[in-house]
Amino acid sequence: MTIPVIDMSKLDGEERAKTMAEIANGCEEWGFFQLINHGVPVELLERLKKGCSECYKLEREEGFNKSVPVKMLDEILVAEKEKSEKKVEEEVKKRVEGVDWEDVFVLQDDNEWPSIPHDFK
């Protein structure tokens, strides 16, 4: 199974209608899609990933480790400690692949952006 890949450069050409239909399908059927040829510089994307990663480590990691999915995985490890390590690792890997990991900030008018790391702002 592969997620939809949408070429943004085709929005301004003859394939605009087809591309818009692909976007609609990605939203309606998948809930997401990958954009290519979107014009956002790779350097900016790398800075964004770095800032998000630093913010996660400084402000969000502890909450993530206390989250329900992580607690469930810890319980699986404890419950299956009797099995060989290889079997346990394979089982955990299968279950982790099925978990939808995400982290969300809700920033409304009265909320402040996280102050650490500075580049995250």
PDB file of N, CA and C in Angstrom:
ATOM      1  N   MET A   1       0.852  -1.173   0.000  1.00  0.00           N
ATOM      2  CA  MET A   1       0.000   0.000   0.000  1.00  0.00           C
ATOM      3  C   MET A   1       0.897   1.235   0.000  1.00  0.00           C
ATOM      4  N   THR A   2       0.666   2.128  -0.932  1.00  0.00           N
ATOM      5  CA  THR A   2       1.421   3.374  -0.983  1.00  0.00           C
ATOM      6  C   THR A   2       0.472   4.549  -0.867  1.00  0.00           C
ATOM      7  N   ILE A   3       0.932   5.583  -0.181  1.00  0.00           N
ATOM      8  CA  ILE A   3       0.102   6.775  -0.021  1.00  0.00           C
ATOM      9  C   ILE A   3       0.107   7.577  -1.322  1.00  0.00           C
ATOM     10  N   PRO A   4      -0.923   8.408  -1.532  1.00  0.00           N
ATOM     11  CA  PRO A   4      -0.953   9.226  -2.743  1.00  0.00           C
ATOM     12  C   PRO A   4       0.213  10.219  -2.776  1.00  0.00           C
ATOM     13  N   VAL A   5       0.821  10.353  -3.935  1.00  0.00           N
ATOM     14  CA  VAL A   5       1.892  11.321  -4.157  1.00  0.00           C
ATOM     15  C   VAL A   5       1.372  12.318  -5.182  1.00  0.00           C
ATOM     16  N   ILE A   6       1.354  13.591  -4.811  1.00  0.00           N
ATOM     17  CA  ILE A   6       0.772  14.621  -5.667  1.00  0.00           C
ATOM     18  C   ILE A   6       1.844  15.602  -6.098  1.00  0.00           C
ATOM     19  N   ASP A   7       1.932  15.817  -7.410  1.00  0.00           N
ATOM     20  CA  ASP A   7       2.914  16.725  -8.006  1.00  0.00           C
ATOM     21  C   ASP A   7       2.295  18.120  -8.084  1.00  0.00           C
ATOM     22  N   MET A   8       2.729  19.009  -7.188  1.00  0.00           N
ATOM     23  CA  MET A   8       2.174  20.360  -7.122  1.00  0.00           C
ATOM     24  C   MET A   8       2.481  21.194  -8.357  1.00  0.00           C
ATOM     25  N   SER A   9       3.527  20.848  -9.098  1.00  0.00           N
ATOM     26  CA  SER A   9       3.870  21.627 -10.289  1.00  0.00           C
ATOM     27  C   SER A   9       2.796  21.509 -11.371  1.00  0.00           C
ATOM     28  N   LYS A  10       1.939  20.507 -11.250  1.00  0.00           N
ATOM     29  CA  LYS A  10       0.893  20.295 -12.257  1.00  0.00           C
ATOM     30  C   LYS A  10      -0.374  21.105 -11.970  1.00  0.00           C
ATOM     31  N   LEU A  11      -0.391  21.847 -10.861  1.00  0.00           N
ATOM     32  CA  LEU A  11      -1.571  22.656 -10.541  1.00  0.00           C
ATOM     33  C   LEU A  11      -1.748  23.820 -11.512  1.00  0.00           C
ATOM     34  N   ASP A  12      -0.670  24.287 -12.113  1.00  0.00           N
ATOM     35  CA  ASP A  12      -0.750  25.436 -13.007  1.00  0.00           C
ATOM     36  C   ASP A  12      -0.807  25.048 -14.473  1.00  0.00           C
ATOM     37  N   GLY A  13      -0.906  23.782 -14.778  1.00  0.00           N
ATOM     38  CA  GLY A  13      -0.896  23.340 -16.162  1.00  0.00           C
ATOM     39  C   GLY A  13      -2.193  22.698 -16.602  1.00  0.00           C
ATOM     40  N   GLU A  14      -2.091  21.952 -17.672  1.00  0.00           N
ATOM     41  CA  GLU A  14      -3.252  21.281 -18.257  1.00  0.00           C
ATOM     42  C   GLU A  14      -3.826  20.198 -17.343  1.00  0.00           C
ATOM     43  N   GLU A  15      -3.010  19.721 -16.408  1.00  0.00           N
ATOM     44  CA  GLU A  15      -3.455  18.637 -15.523  1.00  0.00           C
ATOM     45  C   GLU A  15      -4.016  19.146 -14.197  1.00  0.00           C
ATOM     46  N   ARG A  16      -4.409  20.432 -14.155  1.00  0.00           N
ATOM     47  CA  ARG A  16      -4.922  21.022 -12.921  1.00  0.00           C
ATOM     48  C   ARG A  16      -6.125  20.248 -12.372  1.00  0.00           C
ATOM     49  N   ALA A  17      -7.099  19.953 -13.215  1.00  0.00           N
ATOM     50  CA  ALA A  17      -8.309  19.253 -12.748  1.00  0.00           C
ATOM     51  C   ALA A  17      -7.965  17.880 -12.185  1.00  0.00           C
ATOM     52  N   LYS A  18      -7.086  17.154 -12.876  1.00  0.00           N
ATOM     53  CA  LYS A  18      -6.677  15.829 -12.405  1.00  0.00           C
ATOM     54  C   LYS A  18      -5.954  15.945 -11.064  1.00  0.00           C
ATOM     55  N   THR A  19      -5.082  16.952 -10.943  1.00  0.00           N
ATOM     56  CA  THR A  19      -4.327  17.143  -9.701  1.00  0.00           C
ATOM     57  C   THR A  19      -5.265  17.512  -8.557  1.00  0.00           C
ATOM     58  N   MET A  20      -6.239  18.364  -8.827  1.00  0.00           N
ATOM     59  CA  MET A  20      -7.218  18.727  -7.791  1.00  0.00           C
ATOM     60  C   MET A  20      -8.013  17.497  -7.353  1.00  0.00           C
ATOM     61  N   ALA A  21      -8.348  16.624  -8.308  1.00  0.00           N
ATOM     62  CA  ALA A  21      -9.052  15.382  -7.970  1.00  0.00           C
ATOM     63  C   ALA A  21      -8.171  14.476  -7.108  1.00  0.00           C
ATOM     64  N   GLU A  22      -6.869  14.434  -7.395  1.00  0.00           N
ATOM     65  CA  GLU A  22      -5.947  13.632  -6.583  1.00  0.00           C
ATOM     66  C   GLU A  22      -5.869  14.181  -5.159  1.00  0.00           C
ATOM     67  N   ILE A  23      -5.860  15.513  -5.028  1.00  0.00           N
ATOM     68  CA  ILE A  23      -5.846  16.123  -3.689  1.00  0.00           C
ATOM     69  C   ILE A  23      -7.131  15.766  -2.943  1.00  0.00           C
ATOM     70  N   ALA A  24      -8.269  15.883  -3.618  1.00  0.00           N
ATOM     71  CA  ALA A  24      -9.553  15.533  -2.987  1.00  0.00           C
ATOM     72  C   ALA A  24      -9.548  14.077  -2.542  1.00  0.00           C
ATOM     73  N   ASN A  25      -9.065  13.189  -3.398  1.00  0.00           N
ATOM     74  CA  ASN A  25      -9.000  11.771  -3.057  1.00  0.00           C
ATOM     75  C   ASN A  25      -8.078  11.541  -1.862  1.00  0.00           C
ATOM     76  N   GLY A  26      -6.930  12.198  -1.865  1.00  0.00           N
ATOM     77  CA  GLY A  26      -6.009  12.056  -0.736  1.00  0.00           C
ATOM     78  C   GLY A  26      -6.651  12.475   0.574  1.00  0.00           C
ATOM     79  N   CYS A  27      -7.419  13.558   0.521  1.00  0.00           N
ATOM     80  CA  CYS A  27      -8.092  14.041   1.729  1.00  0.00           C
ATOM     81  C   CYS A  27      -9.240  13.129   2.150  1.00  0.00           C
ATOM     82  N   GLU A  28     -10.069  12.764   1.182  1.00  0.00           N
ATOM     83  CA  GLU A  28     -11.291  12.011   1.497  1.00  0.00           C
ATOM     84  C   GLU A  28     -11.040  10.539   1.796  1.00  0.00           C
ATOM     85  N   GLU A  29     -10.178   9.908   1.024  1.00  0.00           N
ATOM     86  CA  GLU A  29      -9.970   8.465   1.149  1.00  0.00           C
ATOM     87  C   GLU A  29      -8.813   8.091   2.070  1.00  0.00           C
ATOM     88  N   TRP A  30      -7.789   8.938   2.121  1.00  0.00           N
ATOM     89  CA  TRP A  30      -6.585   8.607   2.879  1.00  0.00           C
ATOM     90  C   TRP A  30      -6.429   9.454   4.140  1.00  0.00           C
ATOM     91  N   GLY A  31      -6.818  10.718   4.053  1.00  0.00           N
ATOM     92  CA  GLY A  31      -6.609  11.631   5.182  1.00  0.00           C
ATOM     93  C   GLY A  31      -5.271  12.334   5.117  1.00  0.00           C
ATOM     94  N   PHE A  32      -4.459  12.011   4.120  1.00  0.00           N
ATOM     95  CA  PHE A  32      -3.154  12.650   3.944  1.00  0.00           C
ATOM     96  C   PHE A  32      -2.599  12.277   2.585  1.00  0.00           C
ATOM     97  N   PHE A  33      -1.522  12.941   2.205  1.00  0.00           N
ATOM     98  CA  PHE A  33      -0.830  12.639   0.953  1.00  0.00           C
ATOM     99  C   PHE A  33       0.543  13.273   0.998  1.00  0.00           C
ATOM    100  N   GLN A  34       1.403  12.866   0.100  1.00  0.00           N
ATOM    101  CA  GLN A  34       2.753  13.436  -0.001  1.00  0.00           C
ATOM    102  C   GLN A  34       2.778  14.411  -1.167  1.00  0.00           C
ATOM    103  N   LEU A  35       3.326  15.595  -0.916  1.00  0.00           N
ATOM    104  CA  LEU A  35       3.470  16.590  -1.976  1.00  0.00           C
ATOM    105  C   LEU A  35       4.892  16.575  -2.505  1.00  0.00           C
ATOM    106  N   ILE A  36       5.020  16.612  -3.830  1.00  0.00           N
ATOM    107  CA  ILE A  36       6.336  16.763  -4.453  1.00  0.00           C
ATOM    108  C   ILE A  36       6.283  17.991  -5.356  1.00  0.00           C
ATOM    109  N   ASN A  37       7.458  18.517  -5.660  1.00  0.00           N
ATOM    110  CA  ASN A  37       7.578  19.721  -6.499  1.00  0.00           C
ATOM    111  C   ASN A  37       6.733  20.871  -5.959  1.00  0.00           C
ATOM    112  N   HIS A  38       6.768  21.061  -4.632  1.00  0.00           N
ATOM    113  CA  HIS A  38       5.973  22.092  -3.969  1.00  0.00           C
ATOM    114  C   HIS A  38       6.688  23.423  -3.869  1.00  0.00           C
ATOM    115  N   GLY A  39       7.988  23.444  -4.138  1.00  0.00           N
ATOM    116  CA  GLY A  39       8.723  24.706  -4.139  1.00  0.00           C
ATOM    117  C   GLY A  39       9.284  25.126  -2.798  1.00  0.00           C
ATOM    118  N   VAL A  40       9.039  24.371  -1.742  1.00  0.00           N
ATOM    119  CA  VAL A  40       9.608  24.708  -0.432  1.00  0.00           C
ATOM    120  C   VAL A  40      11.055  24.227  -0.425  1.00  0.00           C
ATOM    121  N   PRO A  41      12.007  25.125  -0.169  1.00  0.00           N
ATOM    122  CA  PRO A  41      13.422  24.726  -0.206  1.00  0.00           C
ATOM    123  C   PRO A  41      13.739  23.612   0.804  1.00  0.00           C
ATOM    124  N   VAL A  42      14.567  22.676   0.372  1.00  0.00           N
ATOM    125  CA  VAL A  42      14.969  21.554   1.220  1.00  0.00           C
ATOM    126  C   VAL A  42      15.619  22.063   2.505  1.00  0.00           C
ATOM    127  N   GLU A  43      16.405  23.125   2.412  1.00  0.00           N
ATOM    128  CA  GLU A  43      17.084  23.677   3.596  1.00  0.00           C
ATOM    129  C   GLU A  43      16.061  24.119   4.650  1.00  0.00           C
ATOM    130  N   LEU A  44      14.969  24.739   4.200  1.00  0.00           N
ATOM    131  CA  LEU A  44      13.928  25.174   5.137  1.00  0.00           C
ATOM    132  C   LEU A  44      13.254  23.964   5.787  1.00  0.00           C
ATOM    133  N   LEU A  45      12.975  22.935   5.004  1.00  0.00           N
ATOM    134  CA  LEU A  45      12.372  21.719   5.561  1.00  0.00           C
ATOM    135  C   LEU A  45      13.287  21.069   6.589  1.00  0.00           C
ATOM    136  N   GLU A  46      14.595  21.042   6.314  1.00  0.00           N
ATOM    137  CA  GLU A  46      15.549  20.468   7.264  1.00  0.00           C
ATOM    138  C   GLU A  46      15.597  21.282   8.546  1.00  0.00           C
ATOM    139  N   ARG A  47      15.561  22.628   8.438  1.00  0.00           N
ATOM    140  CA  ARG A  47      15.543  23.478   9.637  1.00  0.00           C
ATOM    141  C   ARG A  47      14.271  23.233  10.440  1.00  0.00           C
ATOM    142  N   LEU A  48      13.159  23.060   9.742  1.00  0.00           N
ATOM    143  CA  LEU A  48      11.883  22.790  10.401  1.00  0.00           C
ATOM    144  C   LEU A  48      11.930  21.471  11.161  1.00  0.00           C
ATOM    145  N   LYS A  49      12.438  20.416  10.499  1.00  0.00           N
ATOM    146  CA  LYS A  49      12.541  19.112  11.171  1.00  0.00           C
ATOM    147  C   LYS A  49      13.447  19.201  12.397  1.00  0.00           C
ATOM    148  N   LYS A  50      14.567  19.914  12.267  1.00  0.00           N
ATOM    149  CA  LYS A  50      15.494  20.050  13.389  1.00  0.00           C
ATOM    150  C   LYS A  50      14.830  20.792  14.549  1.00  0.00           C
ATOM    151  N   GLY A  51      14.146  21.882  14.255  1.00  0.00           N
ATOM    152  CA  GLY A  51      13.466  22.647  15.305  1.00  0.00           C
ATOM    153  C   GLY A  51      12.390  21.834  15.998  1.00  0.00           C
ATOM    154  N   CYS A  52      11.616  21.089  15.233  1.00  0.00           N
ATOM    155  CA  CYS A  52      10.564  20.240  15.822  1.00  0.00           C
ATOM    156  C   CYS A  52      11.164  19.150  16.693  1.00  0.00           C
ATOM    157  N   SER A  53      12.251  18.551  16.217  1.00  0.00           N
ATOM    158  CA  SER A  53      12.912  17.499  16.978  1.00  0.00           C
ATOM    159  C   SER A  53      13.451  18.036  18.301  1.00  0.00           C
ATOM    160  N   GLU A  54      14.069  19.211  18.263  1.00  0.00           N
ATOM    161  CA  GLU A  54      14.598  19.817  19.490  1.00  0.00           C
ATOM    162  C   GLU A  54      13.468  20.170  20.451  1.00  0.00           C
ATOM    163  N   CYS A  55      12.382  20.711  19.910  1.00  0.00           N
ATOM    164  CA  CYS A  55      11.227  21.058  20.748  1.00  0.00           C
ATOM    165  C   CYS A  55      10.668  19.805  21.415  1.00  0.00           C
ATOM    166  N   TYR A  56      10.551  18.728  20.641  1.00  0.00           N
ATOM    167  CA  TYR A  56      10.049  17.472  21.190  1.00  0.00           C
ATOM    168  C   TYR A  56      10.936  17.008  22.339  1.00  0.00           C
ATOM    169  N   LYS A  57      12.244  16.990  22.112  1.00  0.00           N
ATOM    170  CA  LYS A  57      13.160  16.506  23.146  1.00  0.00           C
ATOM    171  C   LYS A  57      13.070  17.349  24.408  1.00  0.00           C
ATOM    172  N   LEU A  58      12.953  18.669  24.253  1.00  0.00           N
ATOM    173  CA  LEU A  58      12.968  19.565  25.406  1.00  0.00           C
ATOM    174  C   LEU A  58      11.626  19.674  26.119  1.00  0.00           C
ATOM    175  N   GLU A  59      10.529  19.628  25.368  1.00  0.00           N
ATOM    176  CA  GLU A  59       9.240  19.942  25.982  1.00  0.00           C
ATOM    177  C   GLU A  59       8.189  18.839  25.900  1.00  0.00           C
ATOM    178  N   ARG A  60       8.347  17.856  25.007  1.00  0.00           N
ATOM    179  CA  ARG A  60       7.256  16.918  24.769  1.00  0.00           C
ATOM    180  C   ARG A  60       7.598  15.459  25.063  1.00  0.00           C
ATOM    181  N   GLU A  61       8.875  15.126  25.120  1.00  0.00           N
ATOM    182  CA  GLU A  61       9.278  13.724  25.234  1.00  0.00           C
ATOM    183  C   GLU A  61       8.719  13.061  26.487  1.00  0.00           C
ATOM    184  N   GLU A  62       8.754  13.761  27.600  1.00  0.00           N
ATOM    185  CA  GLU A  62       8.274  13.168  28.849  1.00  0.00           C
ATOM    186  C   GLU A  62       6.791  12.795  28.743  1.00  0.00           C
ATOM    187  N   GLY A  63       5.990  13.696  28.187  1.00  0.00           N
ATOM    188  CA  GLY A  63       4.563  13.411  28.017  1.00  0.00           C
ATOM    189  C   GLY A  63       4.327  12.250  27.068  1.00  0.00           C
ATOM    190  N   PHE A  64       5.140  12.183  26.002  1.00  0.00           N
ATOM    191  CA  PHE A  64       5.025  11.082  25.047  1.00  0.00           C
ATOM    192  C   PHE A  64       5.297   9.755  25.751  1.00  0.00           C
ATOM    193  N   ASN A  65       6.336   9.721  26.556  1.00  0.00           N
ATOM    194  CA  ASN A  65       6.701   8.481  27.248  1.00  0.00           C
ATOM    195  C   ASN A  65       5.636   8.041  28.254  1.00  0.00           C
ATOM    196  N   LYS A  66       4.797   8.974  28.688  1.00  0.00           N
ATOM    197  CA  LYS A  66       3.706   8.640  29.617  1.00  0.00           C
ATOM    198  C   LYS A  66       2.383   8.402  28.879  1.00  0.00           C
ATOM    199  N   SER A  67       2.402   8.458  27.549  1.00  0.00           N
ATOM    200  CA  SER A  67       1.175   8.330  26.764  1.00  0.00           C
ATOM    201  C   SER A  67       0.639   6.900  26.796  1.00  0.00           C
ATOM    202  N   VAL A  68      -0.641   6.755  26.468  1.00  0.00           N
ATOM    203  CA  VAL A  68      -1.309   5.456  26.481  1.00  0.00           C
ATOM    204  C   VAL A  68      -0.625   4.452  25.537  1.00  0.00           C
ATOM    205  N   PRO A  69      -0.305   4.828  24.263  1.00  0.00           N
ATOM    206  CA  PRO A  69       0.341   3.829  23.395  1.00  0.00           C
ATOM    207  C   PRO A  69       1.674   3.320  23.942  1.00  0.00           C
ATOM    208  N   VAL A  70       2.470   4.227  24.506  1.00  0.00           N
ATOM    209  CA  VAL A  70       3.764   3.806  25.044  1.00  0.00           C
ATOM    210  C   VAL A  70       3.560   2.920  26.271  1.00  0.00           C
ATOM    211  N   LYS A  71       2.606   3.254  27.120  1.00  0.00           N
ATOM    212  CA  LYS A  71       2.313   2.415  28.282  1.00  0.00           C
ATOM    213  C   LYS A  71       1.858   1.024  27.844  1.00  0.00           C
ATOM    214  N   MET A  72       1.047   0.984  26.781  1.00  0.00           N
ATOM    215  CA  MET A  72       0.596  -0.312  26.267  1.00  0.00           C
ATOM    216  C   MET A  72       1.778  -1.152  25.780  1.00  0.00           C
ATOM    217  N   LEU A  73       2.699  -0.524  25.087  1.00  0.00           N
ATOM    218  CA  LEU A  73       3.873  -1.256  24.600  1.00  0.00           C
ATOM    219  C   LEU A  73       4.727  -1.759  25.767  1.00  0.00           C
ATOM    220  N   ASP A  74       4.862  -0.929  26.801  1.00  0.00           N
ATOM    221  CA  ASP A  74       5.608  -1.363  27.988  1.00  0.00           C
ATOM    222  C   ASP A  74       4.937  -2.569  28.638  1.00  0.00           C
ATOM    223  N   GLU A  75       3.615  -2.558  28.716  1.00  0.00           N
ATOM    224  CA  GLU A  75       2.880  -3.685  29.296  1.00  0.00           C
ATOM    225  C   GLU A  75       3.071  -4.958  28.473  1.00  0.00           C
ATOM    226  N   ILE A  76       3.104  -4.791  27.160  1.00  0.00           N
ATOM    227  CA  ILE A  76       3.341  -5.944  26.284  1.00  0.00           C
ATOM    228  C   ILE A  76       4.709  -6.546  26.586  1.00  0.00           C
ATOM    229  N   LEU A  77       5.706  -5.694  26.719  1.00  0.00           N
ATOM    230  CA  LEU A  77       7.058  -6.192  27.004  1.00  0.00           C
ATOM    231  C   LEU A  77       7.108  -6.953  28.320  1.00  0.00           C
ATOM    232  N   VAL A  78       6.465  -6.404  29.355  1.00  0.00           N
ATOM    233  CA  VAL A  78       6.463  -7.068  30.663  1.00  0.00           C
ATOM    234  C   VAL A  78       5.713  -8.396  30.578  1.00  0.00           C
ATOM    235  N   ALA A  79       4.546  -8.388  29.935  1.00  0.00           N
ATOM    236  CA  ALA A  79       3.721  -9.590  29.856  1.00  0.00           C
ATOM    237  C   ALA A  79       4.388 -10.693  29.038  1.00  0.00           C
ATOM    238  N   GLU A  80       5.200 -10.310  28.098  1.00  0.00           N
ATOM    239  CA  GLU A  80       5.801 -11.292  27.204  1.00  0.00           C
ATOM    240  C   GLU A  80       7.285 -11.532  27.501  1.00  0.00           C
ATOM    241  N   LYS A  81       7.685 -11.138  28.685  1.00  0.00           N
ATOM    242  CA  LYS A  81       9.094 -11.284  29.073  1.00  0.00           C
ATOM    243  C   LYS A  81       9.552 -12.739  29.033  1.00  0.00           C
ATOM    244  N   GLU A  82       8.622 -13.641  29.209  1.00  0.00           N
ATOM    245  CA  GLU A  82       8.930 -15.061  29.227  1.00  0.00           C
ATOM    246  C   GLU A  82       9.411 -15.562  27.861  1.00  0.00           C
ATOM    247  N   LYS A  83       8.937 -14.920  26.803  1.00  0.00           N
ATOM    248  CA  LYS A  83       9.308 -15.358  25.458  1.00  0.00           C
ATOM    249  C   LYS A  83      10.760 -14.988  25.162  1.00  0.00           C
ATOM    250  N   SER A  84      11.286 -15.599  24.134  1.00  0.00           N
ATOM    251  CA  SER A  84      12.647 -15.243  23.741  1.00  0.00           C
ATOM    252  C   SER A  84      12.681 -13.790  23.299  1.00  0.00           C
ATOM    253  N   GLU A  85      13.821 -13.134  23.465  1.00  0.00           N
ATOM    254  CA  GLU A  85      13.935 -11.715  23.124  1.00  0.00           C
ATOM    255  C   GLU A  85      13.607 -11.448  21.662  1.00  0.00           C
ATOM    256  N   LYS A  86      14.010 -12.319  20.804  1.00  0.00           N
ATOM    257  CA  LYS A  86      13.744 -12.110  19.370  1.00  0.00           C
ATOM    258  C   LYS A  86      12.247 -12.084  19.105  1.00  0.00           C
ATOM    259  N   LYS A  87      11.513 -13.011  19.704  1.00  0.00           N
ATOM    260  CA  LYS A  87      10.069 -13.055  19.516  1.00  0.00           C
ATOM    261  C   LYS A  87       9.417 -11.789  20.057  1.00  0.00           C
ATOM    262  N   VAL A  88       9.851 -11.334  21.209  1.00  0.00           N
ATOM    263  CA  VAL A  88       9.296 -10.132  21.817  1.00  0.00           C
ATOM    264  C   VAL A  88       9.568  -8.928  20.918  1.00  0.00           C
ATOM    265  N   GLU A  89      10.798  -8.802  20.428  1.00  0.00           N
ATOM    266  CA  GLU A  89      11.141  -7.679  19.558  1.00  0.00           C
ATOM    267  C   GLU A  89      10.276  -7.676  18.305  1.00  0.00           C
ATOM    268  N   GLU A  90      10.073  -8.828  17.713  1.00  0.00           N
ATOM    269  CA  GLU A  90       9.239  -8.919  16.510  1.00  0.00           C
ATOM    270  C   GLU A  90       7.798  -8.518  16.815  1.00  0.00           C
ATOM    271  N   GLU A  91       7.270  -8.980  17.934  1.00  0.00           N
ATOM    272  CA  GLU A  91       5.895  -8.654  18.314  1.00  0.00           C
ATOM    273  C   GLU A  91       5.741  -7.155  18.558  1.00  0.00           C
ATOM    274  N   VAL A  92       6.662  -6.567  19.285  1.00  0.00           N
ATOM    275  CA  VAL A  92       6.598  -5.136  19.558  1.00  0.00           C
ATOM    276  C   VAL A  92       6.710  -4.346  18.257  1.00  0.00           C
ATOM    277  N   LYS A  93       7.593  -4.761  17.380  1.00  0.00           N
ATOM    278  CA  LYS A  93       7.748  -4.078  16.099  1.00  0.00           C
ATOM    279  C   LYS A  93       6.442  -4.092  15.317  1.00  0.00           C
ATOM    280  N   LYS A  94       5.765  -5.238  15.283  1.00  0.00           N
ATOM    281  CA  LYS A  94       4.487  -5.339  14.585  1.00  0.00           C
ATOM    282  C   LYS A  94       3.462  -4.379  15.195  1.00  0.00           C
ATOM    283  N   ARG A  95       3.409  -4.348  16.508  1.00  0.00           N
ATOM    284  CA  ARG A  95       2.407  -3.512  17.174  1.00  0.00           C
ATOM    285  C   ARG A  95       2.739  -2.034  17.046  1.00  0.00           C
ATOM    286  N   VAL A  96       4.026  -1.677  17.066  1.00  0.00           N
ATOM    287  CA  VAL A  96       4.434  -0.278  16.922  1.00  0.00           C
ATOM    288  C   VAL A  96       4.067   0.225  15.535  1.00  0.00           C
ATOM    289  N   GLU A  97       4.226  -0.620  14.520  1.00  0.00           N
ATOM    290  CA  GLU A  97       3.915  -0.206  13.157  1.00  0.00           C
ATOM    291  C   GLU A  97       2.441   0.128  13.007  1.00  0.00           C
ATOM    292  N   GLY A  98       1.592  -0.420  13.833  1.00  0.00           N
ATOM    293  CA  GLY A  98       0.169  -0.148  13.741  1.00  0.00           C
ATOM    294  C   GLY A  98      -0.294   1.059  14.545  1.00  0.00           C
ATOM    295  N   VAL A  99       0.608   1.678  15.301  1.00  0.00           N
ATOM    296  CA  VAL A  99       0.247   2.814  16.137  1.00  0.00           C
ATOM    297  C   VAL A  99       0.455   4.105  15.351  1.00  0.00           C
ATOM    298  N   ASP A 100      -0.509   5.002  15.421  1.00  0.00           N
ATOM    299  CA  ASP A 100      -0.429   6.282  14.733  1.00  0.00           C
ATOM    300  C   ASP A 100       0.203   7.299  15.673  1.00  0.00           C
ATOM    301  N   TRP A 101       1.509   7.523  15.529  1.00  0.00           N
ATOM    302  CA  TRP A 101       2.214   8.466  16.397  1.00  0.00           C
ATOM    303  C   TRP A 101       2.027   9.880  15.860  1.00  0.00           C
ATOM    304  N   GLU A 102       1.725  10.797  16.722  1.00  0.00           N
ATOM    305  CA  GLU A 102       1.678  12.193  16.329  1.00  0.00           C
ATOM    306  C   GLU A 102       1.827  13.055  17.567  1.00  0.00           C
ATOM    307  N   ASP A 103       2.175  14.302  17.345  1.00  0.00           N
ATOM    308  CA  ASP A 103       2.295  15.261  18.423  1.00  0.00           C
ATOM    309  C   ASP A 103       1.686  16.554  17.916  1.00  0.00           C
ATOM    310  N   VAL A 104       0.868  17.184  18.719  1.00  0.00           N
ATOM    311  CA  VAL A 104       0.127  18.350  18.256  1.00  0.00           C
ATOM    312  C   VAL A 104       0.230  19.470  19.271  1.00  0.00           C
ATOM    313  N   PHE A 105       0.478  20.674  18.781  1.00  0.00           N
ATOM    314  CA  PHE A 105       0.351  21.883  19.585  1.00  0.00           C
ATOM    315  C   PHE A 105      -0.934  22.566  19.160  1.00  0.00           C
ATOM    316  N   VAL A 106      -1.741  22.998  20.113  1.00  0.00           N
ATOM    317  CA  VAL A 106      -2.901  23.805  19.785  1.00  0.00           C
ATOM    318  C   VAL A 106      -2.536  25.230  20.143  1.00  0.00           C
ATOM    319  N   LEU A 107      -2.393  26.054  19.121  1.00  0.00           N
ATOM    320  CA  LEU A 107      -1.998  27.444  19.324  1.00  0.00           C
ATOM    321  C   LEU A 107      -3.147  28.342  18.894  1.00  0.00           C
ATOM    322  N   GLN A 108      -3.832  28.893  19.870  1.00  0.00           N
ATOM    323  CA  GLN A 108      -4.916  29.818  19.581  1.00  0.00           C
ATOM    324  C   GLN A 108      -4.439  31.226  19.909  1.00  0.00           C
ATOM    325  N   ASP A 109      -5.276  32.203  19.708  1.00  0.00           N
ATOM    326  CA  ASP A 109      -4.869  33.596  19.884  1.00  0.00           C
ATOM    327  C   ASP A 109      -4.247  33.873  21.247  1.00  0.00           C
ATOM    328  N   ASP A 110      -4.753  33.238  22.296  1.00  0.00           N
ATOM    329  CA  ASP A 110      -4.263  33.534  23.638  1.00  0.00           C
ATOM    330  C   ASP A 110      -3.133  32.604  24.097  1.00  0.00           C
ATOM    331  N   ASN A 111      -2.713  31.671  23.248  1.00  0.00           N
ATOM    332  CA  ASN A 111      -1.617  30.764  23.604  1.00  0.00           C
ATOM    333  C   ASN A 111      -0.286  31.296  23.080  1.00  0.00           C
ATOM    334  N   GLU A 112       0.772  30.996  23.790  1.00  0.00           N
ATOM    335  CA  GLU A 112       2.102  31.398  23.352  1.00  0.00           C
ATOM    336  C   GLU A 112       2.790  30.234  22.672  1.00  0.00           C
ATOM    337  N   TRP A 113       3.633  30.564  21.701  1.00  0.00           N
ATOM    338  CA  TRP A 113       4.470  29.545  21.072  1.00  0.00           C
ATOM    339  C   TRP A 113       5.441  29.018  22.111  1.00  0.00           C
ATOM    340  N   PRO A 114       5.822  27.756  22.022  1.00  0.00           N
ATOM    341  CA  PRO A 114       6.862  27.250  22.937  1.00  0.00           C
ATOM    342  C   PRO A 114       8.114  28.112  22.802  1.00  0.00           C
ATOM    343  N   SER A 115       8.725  28.431  23.914  1.00  0.00           N
ATOM    344  CA  SER A 115       9.889  29.330  23.890  1.00  0.00           C
ATOM    345  C   SER A 115      11.207  28.585  23.713  1.00  0.00           C
ATOM    346  N   ILE A 116      11.190  27.291  23.910  1.00  0.00           N
ATOM    347  CA  ILE A 116      12.416  26.496  23.770  1.00  0.00           C
ATOM    348  C   ILE A 116      12.157  25.405  22.771  1.00  0.00           C
ATOM    349  N   PRO A 117      12.977  25.152  21.809  1.00  0.00           N
ATOM    350  CA  PRO A 117      14.162  25.922  21.465  1.00  0.00           C
ATOM    351  C   PRO A 117      13.783  27.217  20.739  1.00  0.00           C
ATOM    352  N   HIS A 118      14.675  28.183  20.768  1.00  0.00           N
ATOM    353  CA  HIS A 118      14.402  29.492  20.201  1.00  0.00           C
ATOM    354  C   HIS A 118      14.021  29.392  18.724  1.00  0.00           C
ATOM    355  N   ASP A 119      14.701  28.514  17.962  1.00  0.00           N
ATOM    356  CA  ASP A 119      14.433  28.392  16.537  1.00  0.00           C
ATOM    357  C   ASP A 119      13.057  27.850  16.227  1.00  0.00           C
ATOM    358  N   PHE A 120      12.406  27.208  17.186  1.00  0.00           N
ATOM    359  CA  PHE A 120      11.084  26.647  16.941  1.00  0.00           C
ATOM    360  C   PHE A 120      10.074  27.749  16.640  1.00  0.00           C
ATOM    361  N   LYS A 121      10.269  28.920  17.278  1.00  0.00           N
ATOM    362  CA  LYS A 121       9.376  30.049  17.015  1.00  0.00           C
ATOM    363  C   LYS A 121       9.397  30.383  15.548  1.00  0.00           C
TER     364      LYS A 121
END
